[in-house]
Amino acid sequence: SVEQAQGSTNIRDLHTDINKKYALVFGNEVKG
C-alpha cells in the first residue's frame, strides 16, 4: 500500500525481489 502509515518504508529504502510479483494499492484522493 502506498500510504503514510506507522511503520511505512521510505520509498528510497525499498528493496524489491525480481522473483516476486507486486500489487501496488493507491487509495482515494482524500481518504487514502
PDB file of all heavy atoms in Angstrom:
ATOM      1  N   SER A   1       0.852  -1.187   0.000  1.00  0.00           N
ATOM      2  CA  SER A   1       0.000   0.000   0.000  1.00  0.00           C
ATOM      3  C   SER A   1       0.887   1.236   0.000  1.00  0.00           C
ATOM      4  O   SER A   1       1.912   1.289   0.687  1.00  0.00           O
ATOM      5  CB  SER A   1      -0.914   0.007   1.228  1.00  0.00           C
ATOM      6  OG  SER A   1      -1.942  -0.942   1.058  1.00  0.00           O
ATOM      7  N   VAL A   2       0.487   2.219  -0.780  1.00  0.00           N
ATOM      8  CA  VAL A   2       1.212   3.483  -0.832  1.00  0.00           C
ATOM      9  C   VAL A   2       0.447   4.437   0.078  1.00  0.00           C
ATOM     10  O   VAL A   2      -0.629   4.925  -0.267  1.00  0.00           O
ATOM     11  CB  VAL A   2       1.299   4.013  -2.281  1.00  0.00           C
ATOM     12  CG1 VAL A   2       2.058   5.327  -2.321  1.00  0.00           C
ATOM     13  CG2 VAL A   2       1.949   2.966  -3.185  1.00  0.00           C
ATOM     14  N   GLU A   3       1.004   4.622   1.267  1.00  0.00           N
ATOM     15  CA  GLU A   3       0.275   5.376   2.292  1.00  0.00           C
ATOM     16  C   GLU A   3       1.235   5.835   3.377  1.00  0.00           C
ATOM     17  O   GLU A   3       2.222   5.159   3.672  1.00  0.00           O
ATOM     18  CB  GLU A   3      -0.803   4.480   2.916  1.00  0.00           C
ATOM     19  CG  GLU A   3      -1.726   5.164   3.888  1.00  0.00           C
ATOM     20  CD  GLU A   3      -2.488   6.312   3.266  1.00  0.00           C
ATOM     21  OE1 GLU A   3      -3.491   6.069   2.560  1.00  0.00           O
ATOM     22  OE2 GLU A   3      -2.073   7.469   3.471  1.00  0.00           O
ATOM     23  N   GLN A   4       0.926   6.971   3.966  1.00  0.00           N
ATOM     24  CA  GLN A   4       1.661   7.432   5.134  1.00  0.00           C
ATOM     25  C   GLN A   4       1.065   6.691   6.324  1.00  0.00           C
ATOM     26  O   GLN A   4      -0.065   6.955   6.723  1.00  0.00           O
ATOM     27  CB  GLN A   4       1.512   8.950   5.288  1.00  0.00           C
ATOM     28  CG  GLN A   4       2.123   9.698   4.125  1.00  0.00           C
ATOM     29  CD  GLN A   4       1.690  11.160   4.074  1.00  0.00           C
ATOM     30  OE1 GLN A   4       0.610  11.516   4.522  1.00  0.00           O
ATOM     31  NE2 GLN A   4       2.529  11.988   3.498  1.00  0.00           N
ATOM     32  N   ALA A   5       1.829   5.755   6.842  1.00  0.00           N
ATOM     33  CA  ALA A   5       1.320   4.904   7.916  1.00  0.00           C
ATOM     34  C   ALA A   5       2.448   4.588   8.893  1.00  0.00           C
ATOM     35  O   ALA A   5       3.629   4.639   8.527  1.00  0.00           O
ATOM     36  CB  ALA A   5       0.756   3.606   7.336  1.00  0.00           C
ATOM     37  N   GLN A   6       2.061   4.250  10.089  1.00  0.00           N
ATOM     38  CA  GLN A   6       3.040   3.856  11.098  1.00  0.00           C
ATOM     39  C   GLN A   6       3.833   2.665  10.568  1.00  0.00           C
ATOM     40  O   GLN A   6       3.253   1.670  10.115  1.00  0.00           O
ATOM     41  CB  GLN A   6       2.311   3.490  12.386  1.00  0.00           C
ATOM     42  CG  GLN A   6       3.226   3.198  13.541  1.00  0.00           C
ATOM     43  CD  GLN A   6       2.433   2.909  14.806  1.00  0.00           C
ATOM     44  OE1 GLN A   6       1.297   2.443  14.757  1.00  0.00           O
ATOM     45  NE2 GLN A   6       3.040   3.184  15.938  1.00  0.00           N
ATOM     46  N   GLY A   7       5.144   2.778  10.583  1.00  0.00           N
ATOM     47  CA  GLY A   7       5.996   1.683  10.132  1.00  0.00           C
ATOM     48  C   GLY A   7       6.168   1.587   8.631  1.00  0.00           C
ATOM     49  O   GLY A   7       6.735   0.613   8.141  1.00  0.00           O
ATOM     50  N   SER A   8       5.701   2.586   7.894  1.00  0.00           N
ATOM     51  CA  SER A   8       5.857   2.525   6.443  1.00  0.00           C
ATOM     52  C   SER A   8       7.332   2.655   6.069  1.00  0.00           C
ATOM     53  O   SER A   8       8.145   3.193   6.816  1.00  0.00           O
ATOM     54  CB  SER A   8       5.030   3.603   5.753  1.00  0.00           C
ATOM     55  OG  SER A   8       5.496   4.884   6.113  1.00  0.00           O
ATOM     56  N   THR A   9       7.671   2.145   4.886  1.00  0.00           N
ATOM     57  CA  THR A   9       9.037   2.175   4.365  1.00  0.00           C
ATOM     58  C   THR A   9       9.199   3.374   3.446  1.00  0.00           C
ATOM     59  O   THR A   9       8.373   3.579   2.554  1.00  0.00           O
ATOM     60  CB  THR A   9       9.326   0.873   3.573  1.00  0.00           C
ATOM     61  OG1 THR A   9       9.170  -0.244   4.446  1.00  0.00           O
ATOM     62  CG2 THR A   9      10.719   0.880   2.981  1.00  0.00           C
ATOM     63  N   ASN A  10      10.241   4.132   3.661  1.00  0.00           N
ATOM     64  CA  ASN A  10      10.569   5.225   2.756  1.00  0.00           C
ATOM     65  C   ASN A  10      10.878   4.607   1.394  1.00  0.00           C
ATOM     66  O   ASN A  10      11.614   3.625   1.300  1.00  0.00           O
ATOM     67  CB  ASN A  10      11.784   5.978   3.300  1.00  0.00           C
ATOM     68  CG  ASN A  10      12.134   7.197   2.491  1.00  0.00           C
ATOM     69  OD1 ASN A  10      12.189   7.156   1.263  1.00  0.00           O
ATOM     70  ND2 ASN A  10      12.413   8.284   3.190  1.00  0.00           N
ATOM     71  N   ILE A  11      10.316   5.153   0.340  1.00  0.00           N
ATOM     72  CA  ILE A  11      10.494   4.571  -0.993  1.00  0.00           C
ATOM     73  C   ILE A  11      11.973   4.464  -1.369  1.00  0.00           C
ATOM     74  O   ILE A  11      12.361   3.561  -2.108  1.00  0.00           O
ATOM     75  CB  ILE A  11       9.684   5.333  -2.056  1.00  0.00           C
ATOM     76  CG1 ILE A  11       9.601   4.508  -3.336  1.00  0.00           C
ATOM     77  CG2 ILE A  11      10.247   6.721  -2.289  1.00  0.00           C
ATOM     78  CD1 ILE A  11       8.578   4.999  -4.326  1.00  0.00           C
ATOM     79  N   ARG A  12      12.815   5.348  -0.847  1.00  0.00           N
ATOM     80  CA  ARG A  12      14.255   5.271  -1.131  1.00  0.00           C
ATOM     81  C   ARG A  12      14.867   4.010  -0.547  1.00  0.00           C
ATOM     82  O   ARG A  12      15.897   3.532  -1.031  1.00  0.00           O
ATOM     83  CB  ARG A  12      14.981   6.490  -0.575  1.00  0.00           C
ATOM     84  CG  ARG A  12      14.601   7.787  -1.258  1.00  0.00           C
ATOM     85  CD  ARG A  12      15.292   8.946  -0.598  1.00  0.00           C
ATOM     86  NE  ARG A  12      14.926   8.950   0.813  1.00  0.00           N
ATOM     87  CZ  ARG A  12      15.183   9.917   1.665  1.00  0.00           C
ATOM     88  NH1 ARG A  12      15.823  10.975   1.272  1.00  0.00           N
ATOM     89  NH2 ARG A  12      14.791   9.852   2.919  1.00  0.00           N
ATOM     90  N   ASP A  13      14.254   3.472   0.515  1.00  0.00           N
ATOM     91  CA  ASP A  13      14.791   2.289   1.185  1.00  0.00           C
ATOM     92  C   ASP A  13      14.128   0.992   0.729  1.00  0.00           C
ATOM     93  O   ASP A  13      14.390  -0.075   1.286  1.00  0.00           O
ATOM     94  CB  ASP A  13      14.610   2.435   2.705  1.00  0.00           C
ATOM     95  CG  ASP A  13      15.332   3.664   3.246  1.00  0.00           C
ATOM     96  OD1 ASP A  13      16.412   3.995   2.718  1.00  0.00           O
ATOM     97  OD2 ASP A  13      14.795   4.291   4.184  1.00  0.00           O
ATOM     98  N   LEU A  14      13.288   1.094  -0.264  1.00  0.00           N
ATOM     99  CA  LEU A  14      12.559  -0.080  -0.758  1.00  0.00           C
ATOM    100  C   LEU A  14      13.500  -1.044  -1.473  1.00  0.00           C
ATOM    101  O   LEU A  14      14.286  -0.637  -2.330  1.00  0.00           O
ATOM    102  CB  LEU A  14      11.457   0.373  -1.725  1.00  0.00           C
ATOM    103  CG  LEU A  14      10.650  -0.727  -2.398  1.00  0.00           C
ATOM    104  CD1 LEU A  14       9.846  -1.516  -1.368  1.00  0.00           C
ATOM    105  CD2 LEU A  14       9.719  -0.111  -3.437  1.00  0.00           C
ATOM    106  N   HIS A  15      13.411  -2.292  -1.084  1.00  0.00           N
ATOM    107  CA  HIS A  15      14.165  -3.347  -1.764  1.00  0.00           C
ATOM    108  C   HIS A  15      13.153  -4.291  -2.407  1.00  0.00           C
ATOM    109  O   HIS A  15      12.201  -4.712  -1.757  1.00  0.00           O
ATOM    110  CB  HIS A  15      15.049  -4.115  -0.780  1.00  0.00           C
ATOM    111  CG  HIS A  15      16.089  -3.250  -0.141  1.00  0.00           C
ATOM    112  ND1 HIS A  15      17.211  -2.838  -0.807  1.00  0.00           N
ATOM    113  CD2 HIS A  15      16.149  -2.702   1.090  1.00  0.00           C
ATOM    114  CE1 HIS A  15      17.937  -2.072  -0.012  1.00  0.00           C
ATOM    115  NE2 HIS A  15      17.302  -1.969   1.144  1.00  0.00           N
ATOM    116  N   THR A  16      13.350  -4.584  -3.674  1.00  0.00           N
ATOM    117  CA  THR A  16      12.445  -5.491  -4.369  1.00  0.00           C
ATOM    118  C   THR A  16      13.169  -6.784  -4.685  1.00  0.00           C
ATOM    119  O   THR A  16      14.385  -6.849  -4.695  1.00  0.00           O
ATOM    120  CB  THR A  16      11.930  -4.862  -5.675  1.00  0.00           C
ATOM    121  OG1 THR A  16      13.044  -4.566  -6.512  1.00  0.00           O
ATOM    122  CG2 THR A  16      11.123  -3.607  -5.409  1.00  0.00           C
ATOM    123  N   ASP A  17      12.394  -7.787  -4.951  1.00  0.00           N
ATOM    124  CA  ASP A  17      12.902  -9.103  -5.325  1.00  0.00           C
ATOM    125  C   ASP A  17      12.374  -9.386  -6.722  1.00  0.00           C
ATOM    126  O   ASP A  17      11.152  -9.447  -6.920  1.00  0.00           O
ATOM    127  CB  ASP A  17      12.388 -10.136  -4.318  1.00  0.00           C
ATOM    128  CG  ASP A  17      12.874 -11.552  -4.605  1.00  0.00           C
ATOM    129  OD1 ASP A  17      13.301 -11.843  -5.742  1.00  0.00           O
ATOM    130  OD2 ASP A  17      12.801 -12.371  -3.676  1.00  0.00           O
ATOM    131  N   ILE A  18      13.255  -9.552  -7.684  1.00  0.00           N
ATOM    132  CA  ILE A  18      12.812  -9.755  -9.062  1.00  0.00           C
ATOM    133  C   ILE A  18      12.088 -11.086  -9.254  1.00  0.00           C
ATOM    134  O   ILE A  18      11.515 -11.320 -10.305  1.00  0.00           O
ATOM    135  CB  ILE A  18      13.957  -9.609 -10.090  1.00  0.00           C
ATOM    136  CG1 ILE A  18      15.029 -10.671  -9.872  1.00  0.00           C
ATOM    137  CG2 ILE A  18      14.528  -8.205 -10.052  1.00  0.00           C
ATOM    138  CD1 ILE A  18      16.063 -10.718 -10.989  1.00  0.00           C
ATOM    139  N   ASN A  19      12.086 -11.914  -8.223  1.00  0.00           N
ATOM    140  CA  ASN A  19      11.356 -13.176  -8.301  1.00  0.00           C
ATOM    141  C   ASN A  19       9.949 -13.070  -7.712  1.00  0.00           C
ATOM    142  O   ASN A  19       9.232 -14.057  -7.649  1.00  0.00           O
ATOM    143  CB  ASN A  19      12.141 -14.281  -7.587  1.00  0.00           C
ATOM    144  CG  ASN A  19      13.468 -14.524  -8.264  1.00  0.00           C
ATOM    145  OD1 ASN A  19      13.533 -14.709  -9.480  1.00  0.00           O
ATOM    146  ND2 ASN A  19      14.543 -14.476  -7.498  1.00  0.00           N
ATOM    147  N   LYS A  20       9.579 -11.873  -7.267  1.00  0.00           N
ATOM    148  CA  LYS A  20       8.256 -11.664  -6.684  1.00  0.00           C
ATOM    149  C   LYS A  20       7.391 -10.822  -7.608  1.00  0.00           C
ATOM    150  O   LYS A  20       7.883 -10.080  -8.450  1.00  0.00           O
ATOM    151  CB  LYS A  20       8.371 -10.959  -5.327  1.00  0.00           C
ATOM    152  CG  LYS A  20       8.925 -11.830  -4.234  1.00  0.00           C
ATOM    153  CD  LYS A  20       8.848 -11.113  -2.910  1.00  0.00           C
ATOM    154  CE  LYS A  20       9.312 -12.021  -1.785  1.00  0.00           C
ATOM    155  NZ  LYS A  20       9.193 -11.350  -0.480  1.00  0.00           N
ATOM    156  N   LYS A  21       6.078 -10.922  -7.376  1.00  0.00           N
ATOM    157  CA  LYS A  21       5.095 -10.090  -8.065  1.00  0.00           C
ATOM    158  C   LYS A  21       4.549  -9.113  -7.033  1.00  0.00           C
ATOM    159  O   LYS A  21       4.338  -9.486  -5.878  1.00  0.00           O
ATOM    160  CB  LYS A  21       3.956 -10.946  -8.620  1.00  0.00           C
ATOM    161  CG  LYS A  21       4.410 -12.063  -9.555  1.00  0.00           C
ATOM    162  CD  LYS A  21       3.242 -12.871 -10.072  1.00  0.00           C
ATOM    163  CE  LYS A  21       2.580 -13.678  -8.966  1.00  0.00           C
ATOM    164  NZ  LYS A  21       1.537 -14.597  -9.451  1.00  0.00           N
ATOM    165  N   TYR A  22       4.301  -7.888  -7.472  1.00  0.00           N
ATOM    166  CA  TYR A  22       3.852  -6.839  -6.557  1.00  0.00           C
ATOM    167  C   TYR A  22       2.518  -6.251  -6.994  1.00  0.00           C
ATOM    168  O   TYR A  22       2.303  -6.015  -8.181  1.00  0.00           O
ATOM    169  CB  TYR A  22       4.889  -5.716  -6.469  1.00  0.00           C
ATOM    170  CG  TYR A  22       6.183  -6.165  -5.838  1.00  0.00           C
ATOM    171  CD1 TYR A  22       7.215  -6.673  -6.610  1.00  0.00           C
ATOM    172  CD2 TYR A  22       6.362  -6.100  -4.463  1.00  0.00           C
ATOM    173  CE1 TYR A  22       8.401  -7.101  -6.039  1.00  0.00           C
ATOM    174  CE2 TYR A  22       7.540  -6.529  -3.878  1.00  0.00           C
ATOM    175  CZ  TYR A  22       8.565  -7.032  -4.671  1.00  0.00           C
ATOM    176  OH  TYR A  22       9.729  -7.460  -4.097  1.00  0.00           O
ATOM    177  N   ALA A  23       1.659  -6.005  -6.016  1.00  0.00           N
ATOM    178  CA  ALA A  23       0.425  -5.254  -6.241  1.00  0.00           C
ATOM    179  C   ALA A  23       0.557  -3.974  -5.440  1.00  0.00           C
ATOM    180  O   ALA A  23       0.731  -4.005  -4.220  1.00  0.00           O
ATOM    181  CB  ALA A  23      -0.793  -6.050  -5.783  1.00  0.00           C
ATOM    182  N   LEU A  24       0.516  -2.839  -6.149  1.00  0.00           N
ATOM    183  CA  LEU A  24       0.624  -1.530  -5.510  1.00  0.00           C
ATOM    184  C   LEU A  24      -0.770  -0.947  -5.359  1.00  0.00           C
ATOM    185  O   LEU A  24      -1.480  -0.768  -6.352  1.00  0.00           O
ATOM    186  CB  LEU A  24       1.480  -0.596  -6.358  1.00  0.00           C
ATOM    187  CG  LEU A  24       2.903  -1.063  -6.665  1.00  0.00           C
ATOM    188  CD1 LEU A  24       3.577  -0.100  -7.625  1.00  0.00           C
ATOM    189  CD2 LEU A  24       3.702  -1.196  -5.384  1.00  0.00           C
ATOM    190  N   VAL A  25      -1.164  -0.652  -4.129  1.00  0.00           N
ATOM    191  CA  VAL A  25      -2.502  -0.135  -3.857  1.00  0.00           C
ATOM    192  C   VAL A  25      -2.424   1.367  -3.618  1.00  0.00           C
ATOM    193  O   VAL A  25      -1.679   1.835  -2.751  1.00  0.00           O
ATOM    194  CB  VAL A  25      -3.137  -0.817  -2.628  1.00  0.00           C
ATOM    195  CG1 VAL A  25      -4.557  -0.293  -2.398  1.00  0.00           C
ATOM    196  CG2 VAL A  25      -3.127  -2.338  -2.772  1.00  0.00           C
ATOM    197  N   PHE A  26      -3.197   2.106  -4.413  1.00  0.00           N
ATOM    198  CA  PHE A  26      -3.317   3.558  -4.269  1.00  0.00           C
ATOM    199  C   PHE A  26      -4.745   3.861  -3.855  1.00  0.00           C
ATOM    200  O   PHE A  26      -5.693   3.363  -4.459  1.00  0.00           O
ATOM    201  CB  PHE A  26      -3.003   4.264  -5.591  1.00  0.00           C
ATOM    202  CG  PHE A  26      -1.562   4.121  -6.006  1.00  0.00           C
ATOM    203  CD1 PHE A  26      -1.168   3.069  -6.814  1.00  0.00           C
ATOM    204  CD2 PHE A  26      -0.614   5.033  -5.582  1.00  0.00           C
ATOM    205  CE1 PHE A  26       0.151   2.920  -7.203  1.00  0.00           C
ATOM    206  CE2 PHE A  26       0.715   4.901  -5.971  1.00  0.00           C
ATOM    207  CZ  PHE A  26       1.099   3.850  -6.777  1.00  0.00           C
ATOM    208  N   GLY A  27      -4.904   4.715  -2.850  1.00  0.00           N
ATOM    209  CA  GLY A  27      -6.224   4.985  -2.303  1.00  0.00           C
ATOM    210  C   GLY A  27      -6.870   6.249  -2.819  1.00  0.00           C
ATOM    211  O   GLY A  27      -6.325   6.970  -3.659  1.00  0.00           O
ATOM    212  N   ASN A  28      -8.025   6.500  -2.278  1.00  0.00           N
ATOM    213  CA  ASN A  28      -8.837   7.673  -2.575  1.00  0.00           C
ATOM    214  C   ASN A  28      -8.041   8.955  -2.337  1.00  0.00           C
ATOM    215  O   ASN A  28      -7.230   9.035  -1.417  1.00  0.00           O
ATOM    216  CB  ASN A  28     -10.076   7.624  -1.672  1.00  0.00           C
ATOM    217  CG  ASN A  28     -10.950   8.827  -1.785  1.00  0.00           C
ATOM    218  OD1 ASN A  28     -10.716   9.833  -1.129  1.00  0.00           O
ATOM    219  ND2 ASN A  28     -11.971   8.719  -2.612  1.00  0.00           N
ATOM    220  N   GLU A  29      -8.297   9.968  -3.166  1.00  0.00           N
ATOM    221  CA  GLU A  29      -7.561  11.232  -3.093  1.00  0.00           C
ATOM    222  C   GLU A  29      -7.681  11.931  -1.746  1.00  0.00           C
ATOM    223  O   GLU A  29      -6.772  12.668  -1.359  1.00  0.00           O
ATOM    224  CB  GLU A  29      -8.048  12.188  -4.193  1.00  0.00           C
ATOM    225  CG  GLU A  29      -7.708  11.758  -5.587  1.00  0.00           C
ATOM    226  CD  GLU A  29      -8.770  10.929  -6.270  1.00  0.00           C
ATOM    227  OE1 GLU A  29      -9.600  10.298  -5.567  1.00  0.00           O
ATOM    228  OE2 GLU A  29      -8.782  10.883  -7.498  1.00  0.00           O
ATOM    229  N   VAL A  30      -8.753  11.717  -1.021  1.00  0.00           N
ATOM    230  CA  VAL A  30      -8.940  12.375   0.277  1.00  0.00           C
ATOM    231  C   VAL A  30      -8.665  11.414   1.433  1.00  0.00           C
ATOM    232  O   VAL A  30      -7.934  11.739   2.372  1.00  0.00           O
ATOM    233  CB  VAL A  30     -10.374  12.958   0.401  1.00  0.00           C
ATOM    234  CG1 VAL A  30     -10.613  13.538   1.786  1.00  0.00           C
ATOM    235  CG2 VAL A  30     -10.609  14.016  -0.673  1.00  0.00           C
ATOM    236  N   LYS A  31      -9.228  10.234   1.369  1.00  0.00           N
ATOM    237  CA  LYS A  31      -9.151   9.282   2.484  1.00  0.00           C
ATOM    238  C   LYS A  31      -7.952   8.345   2.427  1.00  0.00           C
ATOM    239  O   LYS A  31      -7.635   7.686   3.409  1.00  0.00           O
ATOM    240  CB  LYS A  31     -10.437   8.470   2.546  1.00  0.00           C
ATOM    241  CG  LYS A  31     -11.661   9.312   2.814  1.00  0.00           C
ATOM    242  CD  LYS A  31     -12.919   8.477   2.805  1.00  0.00           C
ATOM    243  CE  LYS A  31     -14.133   9.356   3.023  1.00  0.00           C
ATOM    244  NZ  LYS A  31     -15.377   8.612   2.969  1.00  0.00           N
ATOM    245  N   GLY A  32      -7.303   8.240   1.280  1.00  0.00           N
ATOM    246  CA  GLY A  32      -6.149   7.348   1.149  1.00  0.00           C
ATOM    247  C   GLY A  32      -6.568   5.885   1.090  1.00  0.00           C
ATOM    248  O   GLY A  32      -7.712   5.551   0.783  1.00  0.00           O
TER     249      GLY A  32
END
